[in-house]
Amino acid sequence: MNDDIDFLLTAPNEPMARYWEDVLVDAGIPVLVRPGGPGAGGWGSVATFAHDLYVRRDDLARAREIVAEDGDAETEDGDAETFEE
């Protein structure tokens, strides 16, 4: 198994990032969620900032399929659109 991680998508905020994390973890895919913005201690909560989700390279194709079934997401190679609310 390859433990390298690859970018999956950018969620518009923390609640959406946590939603996708839950969906993917329920499917057996571990997820790294990285908040955007100024970082920890910047000026309060990062909940309203975009969050990037990363998965293991071996899980990337399956994770993209799961996300595509439920909506569009911004992918590194530009295959789909970013989340809009």
PDB file of N, CA and C in Angstrom:
ATOM      1  N   MET A   1       0.847  -1.183   0.000  1.00  0.00           N
ATOM      2  CA  MET A   1       0.000   0.000   0.000  1.00  0.00           C
ATOM      3  C   MET A   1       0.888   1.241   0.000  1.00  0.00           C
ATOM      4  N   ASN A   2       0.525   2.205  -0.811  1.00  0.00           N
ATOM      5  CA  ASN A   2       1.258   3.462  -0.919  1.00  0.00           C
ATOM      6  C   ASN A   2       0.691   4.446   0.101  1.00  0.00           C
ATOM      7  N   ASP A   3       1.529   4.944   1.020  1.00  0.00           N
ATOM      8  CA  ASP A   3       1.072   5.883   2.046  1.00  0.00           C
ATOM      9  C   ASP A   3       1.249   7.348   1.649  1.00  0.00           C
ATOM     10  N   ASP A   4       1.700   7.610   0.413  1.00  0.00           N
ATOM     11  CA  ASP A   4       1.784   8.996  -0.045  1.00  0.00           C
ATOM     12  C   ASP A   4       0.378   9.576  -0.093  1.00  0.00           C
ATOM     13  N   ILE A   5       0.264  10.878   0.188  1.00  0.00           N
ATOM     14  CA  ILE A   5      -1.058  11.496   0.151  1.00  0.00           C
ATOM     15  C   ILE A   5      -1.177  12.442  -1.042  1.00  0.00           C
ATOM     16  N   ASP A   6      -2.407  12.550  -1.532  1.00  0.00           N
ATOM     17  CA  ASP A   6      -2.712  13.421  -2.670  1.00  0.00           C
ATOM     18  C   ASP A   6      -3.905  14.305  -2.334  1.00  0.00           C
ATOM     19  N   PHE A   7      -3.918  15.482  -2.929  1.00  0.00           N
ATOM     20  CA  PHE A   7      -5.030  16.421  -2.783  1.00  0.00           C
ATOM     21  C   PHE A   7      -6.286  15.819  -3.388  1.00  0.00           C
ATOM     22  N   LEU A   8      -7.393  15.913  -2.662  1.00  0.00           N
ATOM     23  CA  LEU A   8      -8.675  15.441  -3.173  1.00  0.00           C
ATOM     24  C   LEU A   8      -9.585  16.604  -3.557  1.00  0.00           C
ATOM     25  N   LEU A   9      -9.833  17.521  -2.611  1.00  0.00           N
ATOM     26  CA  LEU A   9     -10.748  18.614  -2.901  1.00  0.00           C
ATOM     27  C   LEU A   9     -10.570  19.741  -1.898  1.00  0.00           C
ATOM     28  N   THR A  10     -11.150  20.879  -2.234  1.00  0.00           N
ATOM     29  CA  THR A  10     -11.224  22.017  -1.327  1.00  0.00           C
ATOM     30  C   THR A  10     -12.689  22.227  -0.974  1.00  0.00           C
ATOM     31  N   ALA A  11     -12.994  22.125   0.311  1.00  0.00           N
ATOM     32  CA  ALA A  11     -14.344  22.409   0.801  1.00  0.00           C
ATOM     33  C   ALA A  11     -14.408  23.886   1.180  1.00  0.00           C
ATOM     34  N   PRO A  12     -15.568  24.518   1.060  1.00  0.00           N
ATOM     35  CA  PRO A  12     -15.659  25.958   1.287  1.00  0.00           C
ATOM     36  C   PRO A  12     -15.540  26.369   2.753  1.00  0.00           C
ATOM     37  N   ASN A  13     -15.731  25.400   3.674  1.00  0.00           N
ATOM     38  CA  ASN A  13     -15.672  25.723   5.100  1.00  0.00           C
ATOM     39  C   ASN A  13     -15.486  24.431   5.887  1.00  0.00           C
ATOM     40  N   GLU A  14     -15.305  24.575   7.207  1.00  0.00           N
ATOM     41  CA  GLU A  14     -15.051  23.392   8.030  1.00  0.00           C
ATOM     42  C   GLU A  14     -16.236  22.428   8.091  1.00  0.00           C
ATOM     43  N   PRO A  15     -17.473  22.903   8.239  1.00  0.00           N
ATOM     44  CA  PRO A  15     -18.573  21.931   8.267  1.00  0.00           C
ATOM     45  C   PRO A  15     -18.640  21.048   7.020  1.00  0.00           C
ATOM     46  N   MET A  16     -18.434  21.626   5.847  1.00  0.00           N
ATOM     47  CA  MET A  16     -18.443  20.813   4.622  1.00  0.00           C
ATOM     48  C   MET A  16     -17.243  19.876   4.580  1.00  0.00           C
ATOM     49  N   ALA A  17     -16.089  20.351   5.040  1.00  0.00           N
ATOM     50  CA  ALA A  17     -14.902  19.496   5.078  1.00  0.00           C
ATOM     51  C   ALA A  17     -15.147  18.299   5.998  1.00  0.00           C
ATOM     52  N   ARG A  18     -15.759  18.551   7.151  1.00  0.00           N
ATOM     53  CA  ARG A  18     -16.044  17.463   8.099  1.00  0.00           C
ATOM     54  C   ARG A  18     -17.106  16.516   7.544  1.00  0.00           C
ATOM     55  N   TYR A  19     -18.048  17.058   6.779  1.00  0.00           N
ATOM     56  CA  TYR A  19     -19.040  16.202   6.114  1.00  0.00           C
ATOM     57  C   TYR A  19     -18.335  15.206   5.194  1.00  0.00           C
ATOM     58  N   TRP A  20     -17.464  15.731   4.305  1.00  0.00           N
ATOM     59  CA  TRP A  20     -16.765  14.850   3.371  1.00  0.00           C
ATOM     60  C   TRP A  20     -15.841  13.896   4.103  1.00  0.00           C
ATOM     61  N   GLU A  21     -15.217  14.362   5.171  1.00  0.00           N
ATOM     62  CA  GLU A  21     -14.366  13.477   5.969  1.00  0.00           C
ATOM     63  C   GLU A  21     -15.198  12.304   6.493  1.00  0.00           C
ATOM     64  N   ASP A  22     -16.378  12.580   7.054  1.00  0.00           N
ATOM     65  CA  ASP A  22     -17.240  11.520   7.578  1.00  0.00           C
ATOM     66  C   ASP A  22     -17.659  10.542   6.488  1.00  0.00           C
ATOM     67  N   VAL A  23     -18.056  11.069   5.327  1.00  0.00           N
ATOM     68  CA  VAL A  23     -18.483  10.214   4.217  1.00  0.00           C
ATOM     69  C   VAL A  23     -17.342   9.279   3.806  1.00  0.00           C
ATOM     70  N   LEU A  24     -16.152   9.833   3.657  1.00  0.00           N
ATOM     71  CA  LEU A  24     -15.014   9.039   3.200  1.00  0.00           C
ATOM     72  C   LEU A  24     -14.543   8.044   4.255  1.00  0.00           C
ATOM     73  N   VAL A  25     -14.491   8.468   5.513  1.00  0.00           N
ATOM     74  CA  VAL A  25     -14.084   7.552   6.585  1.00  0.00           C
ATOM     75  C   VAL A  25     -15.086   6.401   6.695  1.00  0.00           C
ATOM     76  N   ASP A  26     -16.373   6.704   6.546  1.00  0.00           N
ATOM     77  CA  ASP A  26     -17.391   5.647   6.566  1.00  0.00           C
ATOM     78  C   ASP A  26     -17.167   4.643   5.436  1.00  0.00           C
ATOM     79  N   ALA A  27     -16.562   5.091   4.344  1.00  0.00           N
ATOM     80  CA  ALA A  27     -16.255   4.207   3.217  1.00  0.00           C
ATOM     81  C   ALA A  27     -14.895   3.528   3.384  1.00  0.00           C
ATOM     82  N   GLY A  28     -14.236   3.755   4.521  1.00  0.00           N
ATOM     83  CA  GLY A  28     -12.951   3.108   4.790  1.00  0.00           C
ATOM     84  C   GLY A  28     -11.745   3.856   4.265  1.00  0.00           C
ATOM     85  N   ILE A  29     -11.912   5.145   3.955  1.00  0.00           N
ATOM     86  CA  ILE A  29     -10.814   5.949   3.409  1.00  0.00           C
ATOM     87  C   ILE A  29     -10.375   6.972   4.454  1.00  0.00           C
ATOM     88  N   PRO A  30      -9.167   6.843   4.988  1.00  0.00           N
ATOM     89  CA  PRO A  30      -8.668   7.846   5.930  1.00  0.00           C
ATOM     90  C   PRO A  30      -8.482   9.191   5.223  1.00  0.00           C
ATOM     91  N   VAL A  31      -8.730  10.286   5.943  1.00  0.00           N
ATOM     92  CA  VAL A  31      -8.687  11.623   5.358  1.00  0.00           C
ATOM     93  C   VAL A  31      -7.868  12.558   6.241  1.00  0.00           C
ATOM     94  N   LEU A  32      -7.048  13.387   5.608  1.00  0.00           N
ATOM     95  CA  LEU A  32      -6.358  14.480   6.287  1.00  0.00           C
ATOM     96  C   LEU A  32      -7.080  15.766   5.900  1.00  0.00           C
ATOM     97  N   VAL A  33      -7.566  16.510   6.895  1.00  0.00           N
ATOM     98  CA  VAL A  33      -8.250  17.783   6.656  1.00  0.00           C
ATOM     99  C   VAL A  33      -7.306  18.901   7.090  1.00  0.00           C
ATOM    100  N   ARG A  34      -6.994  19.806   6.161  1.00  0.00           N
ATOM    101  CA  ARG A  34      -6.089  20.916   6.444  1.00  0.00           C
ATOM    102  C   ARG A  34      -6.817  22.227   6.264  1.00  0.00           C
ATOM    103  N   PRO A  35      -7.007  22.983   7.380  1.00  0.00           N
ATOM    104  CA  PRO A  35      -7.701  24.268   7.261  1.00  0.00           C
ATOM    105  C   PRO A  35      -6.867  25.305   6.518  1.00  0.00           C
ATOM    106  N   GLY A  36      -7.547  26.184   5.814  1.00  0.00           N
ATOM    107  CA  GLY A  36      -6.871  27.295   5.160  1.00  0.00           C
ATOM    108  C   GLY A  36      -6.845  28.493   6.083  1.00  0.00           C
ATOM    109  N   GLY A  37      -6.638  29.643   5.546  1.00  0.00           N
ATOM    110  CA  GLY A  37      -6.621  30.859   6.353  1.00  0.00           C
ATOM    111  C   GLY A  37      -5.293  31.078   7.050  1.00  0.00           C
ATOM    112  N   PRO A  38      -5.321  31.841   8.130  1.00  0.00           N
ATOM    113  CA  PRO A  38      -4.080  32.253   8.783  1.00  0.00           C
ATOM    114  C   PRO A  38      -3.432  31.165   9.619  1.00  0.00           C
ATOM    115  N   GLY A  39      -4.108  30.057   9.840  1.00  0.00           N
ATOM    116  CA  GLY A  39      -3.555  28.985  10.651  1.00  0.00           C
ATOM    117  C   GLY A  39      -3.957  29.113  12.100  1.00  0.00           C
ATOM    118  N   ALA A  40      -3.552  28.142  12.881  1.00  0.00           N
ATOM    119  CA  ALA A  40      -3.929  28.107  14.299  1.00  0.00           C
ATOM    120  C   ALA A  40      -3.475  29.377  15.007  1.00  0.00           C
ATOM    121  N   GLY A  41      -4.374  29.958  15.777  1.00  0.00           N
ATOM    122  CA  GLY A  41      -4.040  31.162  16.538  1.00  0.00           C
ATOM    123  C   GLY A  41      -4.092  32.437  15.749  1.00  0.00           C
ATOM    124  N   GLY A  42      -4.506  32.368  14.481  1.00  0.00           N
ATOM    125  CA  GLY A  42      -4.545  33.557  13.636  1.00  0.00           C
ATOM    126  C   GLY A  42      -5.436  34.644  14.191  1.00  0.00           C
ATOM    127  N   TRP A  43      -6.705  34.363  14.323  1.00  0.00           N
ATOM    128  CA  TRP A  43      -7.628  35.293  14.947  1.00  0.00           C
ATOM    129  C   TRP A  43      -8.970  34.618  15.229  1.00  0.00           C
ATOM    130  N   GLY A  44      -8.945  33.520  15.880  1.00  0.00           N
ATOM    131  CA  GLY A  44     -10.176  32.830  16.210  1.00  0.00           C
ATOM    132  C   GLY A  44     -10.372  31.588  15.359  1.00  0.00           C
ATOM    133  N   SER A  45     -11.613  31.265  15.117  1.00  0.00           N
ATOM    134  CA  SER A  45     -11.977  30.035  14.441  1.00  0.00           C
ATOM    135  C   SER A  45     -11.638  30.067  12.949  1.00  0.00           C
ATOM    136  N   VAL A  46     -11.269  28.891  12.426  1.00  0.00           N
ATOM    137  CA  VAL A  46     -11.037  28.745  10.984  1.00  0.00           C
ATOM    138  C   VAL A  46     -12.238  28.095  10.308  1.00  0.00           C
ATOM    139  N   ALA A  47     -13.357  27.989  11.021  1.00  0.00           N
ATOM    140  CA  ALA A  47     -14.533  27.275  10.513  1.00  0.00           C
ATOM    141  C   ALA A  47     -15.071  27.860   9.213  1.00  0.00           C
ATOM    142  N   THR A  48     -14.870  29.155   9.007  1.00  0.00           N
ATOM    143  CA  THR A  48     -15.412  29.773   7.793  1.00  0.00           C
ATOM    144  C   THR A  48     -14.426  29.791   6.632  1.00  0.00           C
ATOM    145  N   PHE A  49     -13.206  29.337   6.857  1.00  0.00           N
ATOM    146  CA  PHE A  49     -12.201  29.297   5.793  1.00  0.00           C
ATOM    147  C   PHE A  49     -12.286  27.987   5.011  1.00  0.00           C
ATOM    148  N   ALA A  50     -11.819  28.010   3.785  1.00  0.00           N
ATOM    149  CA  ALA A  50     -11.751  26.799   2.974  1.00  0.00           C
ATOM    150  C   ALA A  50     -10.817  25.787   3.644  1.00  0.00           C
ATOM    151  N   HIS A  51     -11.124  24.513   3.455  1.00  0.00           N
ATOM    152  CA  HIS A  51     -10.322  23.419   3.993  1.00  0.00           C
ATOM    153  C   HIS A  51      -9.985  22.472   2.855  1.00  0.00           C
ATOM    154  N   ASP A  52      -8.731  22.022   2.802  1.00  0.00           N
ATOM    155  CA  ASP A  52      -8.297  21.046   1.804  1.00  0.00           C
ATOM    156  C   ASP A  52      -8.368  19.651   2.404  1.00  0.00           C
ATOM    157  N   LEU A  53      -8.800  18.694   1.607  1.00  0.00           N
ATOM    158  CA  LEU A  53      -8.841  17.303   2.027  1.00  0.00           C
ATOM    159  C   LEU A  53      -7.846  16.503   1.201  1.00  0.00           C
ATOM    160  N   TYR A  54      -7.117  15.639   1.880  1.00  0.00           N
ATOM    161  CA  TYR A  54      -6.112  14.781   1.260  1.00  0.00           C
ATOM    162  C   TYR A  54      -6.395  13.332   1.623  1.00  0.00           C
ATOM    163  N   VAL A  55      -6.115  12.427   0.700  1.00  0.00           N
ATOM    164  CA  VAL A  55      -6.275  10.995   0.941  1.00  0.00           C
ATOM    165  C   VAL A  55      -5.028  10.272   0.447  1.00  0.00           C
ATOM    166  N   ARG A  56      -4.894   9.009   0.861  1.00  0.00           N
ATOM    167  CA  ARG A  56      -3.769   8.209   0.347  1.00  0.00           C
ATOM    168  C   ARG A  56      -3.902   8.059  -1.159  1.00  0.00           C
ATOM    169  N   ARG A  57      -2.772   8.041  -1.819  1.00  0.00           N
ATOM    170  CA  ARG A  57      -2.756   7.918  -3.282  1.00  0.00           C
ATOM    171  C   ARG A  57      -3.544   6.692  -3.749  1.00  0.00           C
ATOM    172  N   ASP A  58      -3.416   5.586  -3.021  1.00  0.00           N
ATOM    173  CA  ASP A  58      -4.132   4.368  -3.405  1.00  0.00           C
ATOM    174  C   ASP A  58      -5.646   4.512  -3.285  1.00  0.00           C
ATOM    175  N   ASP A  59      -6.113   5.458  -2.480  1.00  0.00           N
ATOM    176  CA  ASP A  59      -7.548   5.671  -2.281  1.00  0.00           C
ATOM    177  C   ASP A  59      -8.109   6.803  -3.136  1.00  0.00           C
ATOM    178  N   LEU A  60      -7.264   7.508  -3.856  1.00  0.00           N
ATOM    179  CA  LEU A  60      -7.680   8.724  -4.545  1.00  0.00           C
ATOM    180  C   LEU A  60      -8.799   8.481  -5.568  1.00  0.00           C
ATOM    181  N   ALA A  61      -8.651   7.485  -6.412  1.00  0.00           N
ATOM    182  CA  ALA A  61      -9.667   7.246  -7.447  1.00  0.00           C
ATOM    183  C   ALA A  61     -11.016   6.919  -6.812  1.00  0.00           C
ATOM    184  N   ARG A  62     -11.013   6.066  -5.801  1.00  0.00           N
ATOM    185  CA  ARG A  62     -12.261   5.714  -5.131  1.00  0.00           C
ATOM    186  C   ARG A  62     -12.873   6.911  -4.416  1.00  0.00           C
ATOM    187  N   ALA A  63     -12.032   7.725  -3.772  1.00  0.00           N
ATOM    188  CA  ALA A  63     -12.525   8.924  -3.084  1.00  0.00           C
ATOM    189  C   ALA A  63     -13.150   9.888  -4.087  1.00  0.00           C
ATOM    190  N   ARG A  64     -12.535  10.058  -5.237  1.00  0.00           N
ATOM    191  CA  ARG A  64     -13.111  10.932  -6.271  1.00  0.00           C
ATOM    192  C   ARG A  64     -14.466  10.421  -6.737  1.00  0.00           C
ATOM    193  N   GLU A  65     -14.589   9.107  -6.874  1.00  0.00           N
ATOM    194  CA  GLU A  65     -15.876   8.532  -7.282  1.00  0.00           C
ATOM    195  C   GLU A  65     -16.955   8.820  -6.244  1.00  0.00           C
ATOM    196  N   ILE A  66     -16.618   8.653  -4.979  1.00  0.00           N
ATOM    197  CA  ILE A  66     -17.579   8.888  -3.896  1.00  0.00           C
ATOM    198  C   ILE A  66     -18.022  10.346  -3.894  1.00  0.00           C
ATOM    199  N   VAL A  67     -17.073  11.253  -4.015  1.00  0.00           N
ATOM    200  CA  VAL A  67     -17.395  12.685  -4.021  1.00  0.00           C
ATOM    201  C   VAL A  67     -18.220  13.033  -5.255  1.00  0.00           C
ATOM    202  N   ALA A  68     -17.874  12.474  -6.407  1.00  0.00           N
ATOM    203  CA  ALA A  68     -18.593  12.774  -7.645  1.00  0.00           C
ATOM    204  C   ALA A  68     -20.044  12.306  -7.583  1.00  0.00           C
ATOM    205  N   GLU A  69     -20.296  11.225  -6.842  1.00  0.00           N
ATOM    206  CA  GLU A  69     -21.662  10.723  -6.720  1.00  0.00           C
ATOM    207  C   GLU A  69     -22.560  11.709  -5.977  1.00  0.00           C
ATOM    208  N   ASP A  70     -21.961  12.532  -5.117  1.00  0.00           N
ATOM    209  CA  ASP A  70     -22.750  13.401  -4.240  1.00  0.00           C
ATOM    210  C   ASP A  70     -22.657  14.878  -4.603  1.00  0.00           C
ATOM    211  N   GLY A  71     -21.818  15.245  -5.530  1.00  0.00           N
ATOM    212  CA  GLY A  71     -21.702  16.653  -5.907  1.00  0.00           C
ATOM    213  C   GLY A  71     -20.355  16.938  -6.530  1.00  0.00           C
ATOM    214  N   ASP A  72     -20.177  18.151  -6.955  1.00  0.00           N
ATOM    215  CA  ASP A  72     -18.921  18.546  -7.584  1.00  0.00           C
ATOM    216  C   ASP A  72     -17.938  19.027  -6.545  1.00  0.00           C
ATOM    217  N   ALA A  73     -16.661  18.869  -6.850  1.00  0.00           N
ATOM    218  CA  ALA A  73     -15.586  19.321  -5.970  1.00  0.00           C
ATOM    219  C   ALA A  73     -14.427  19.810  -6.820  1.00  0.00           C
ATOM    220  N   GLU A  74     -13.610  20.652  -6.260  1.00  0.00           N
ATOM    221  CA  GLU A  74     -12.423  21.128  -6.958  1.00  0.00           C
ATOM    222  C   GLU A  74     -11.342  20.073  -6.818  1.00  0.00           C
ATOM    223  N   THR A  75     -10.862  19.555  -7.949  1.00  0.00           N
ATOM    224  CA  THR A  75      -9.804  18.558  -7.921  1.00  0.00           C
ATOM    225  C   THR A  75      -8.538  19.165  -8.492  1.00  0.00           C
ATOM    226  N   GLU A  76      -7.427  18.572  -8.138  1.00  0.00           N
ATOM    227  CA  GLU A  76      -6.135  19.116  -8.528  1.00  0.00           C
ATOM    228  C   GLU A  76      -5.993  19.214 -10.041  1.00  0.00           C
ATOM    229  N   ASP A  77      -6.520  18.237 -10.767  1.00  0.00           N
ATOM    230  CA  ASP A  77      -6.365  18.256 -12.218  1.00  0.00           C
ATOM    231  C   ASP A  77      -7.497  18.995 -12.921  1.00  0.00           C
ATOM    232  N   GLY A  78      -8.376  19.633 -12.144  1.00  0.00           N
ATOM    233  CA  GLY A  78      -9.393  20.480 -12.741  1.00  0.00           C
ATOM    234  C   GLY A  78     -10.563  19.740 -13.353  1.00  0.00           C
ATOM    235  N   ASP A  79     -10.777  18.476 -12.973  1.00  0.00           N
ATOM    236  CA  ASP A  79     -11.859  17.693 -13.532  1.00  0.00           C
ATOM    237  C   ASP A  79     -13.241  18.206 -13.167  1.00  0.00           C
ATOM    238  N   ALA A  80     -13.360  18.874 -12.036  1.00  0.00           N
ATOM    239  CA  ALA A  80     -14.685  19.303 -11.570  1.00  0.00           C
ATOM    240  C   ALA A  80     -14.615  20.700 -10.998  1.00  0.00           C
ATOM    241  N   GLU A  81     -15.765  21.213 -10.632  1.00  0.00           N
ATOM    242  CA  GLU A  81     -15.867  22.571 -10.104  1.00  0.00           C
ATOM    243  C   GLU A  81     -15.672  22.581  -8.595  1.00  0.00           C
ATOM    244  N   THR A  82     -15.403  23.742  -8.050  1.00  0.00           N
ATOM    245  CA  THR A  82     -15.307  23.901  -6.609  1.00  0.00           C
ATOM    246  C   THR A  82     -16.692  23.987  -5.997  1.00  0.00           C
ATOM    247  N   PHE A  83     -16.810  23.667  -4.713  1.00  0.00           N
ATOM    248  CA  PHE A  83     -18.099  23.776  -4.023  1.00  0.00           C
ATOM    249  C   PHE A  83     -18.525  25.229  -4.000  1.00  0.00           C
ATOM    250  N   GLU A  84     -19.783  25.480  -4.253  1.00  0.00           N
ATOM    251  CA  GLU A  84     -20.340  26.837  -4.182  1.00  0.00           C
ATOM    252  C   GLU A  84     -21.602  26.768  -3.350  1.00  0.00           C
ATOM    253  N   GLU A  85     -21.814  27.780  -2.508  1.00  0.00           N
ATOM    254  CA  GLU A  85     -23.040  27.819  -1.723  1.00  0.00           C
ATOM    255  C   GLU A  85     -23.759  29.110  -1.950  1.00  0.00           C
TER     256      GLU A  85
END
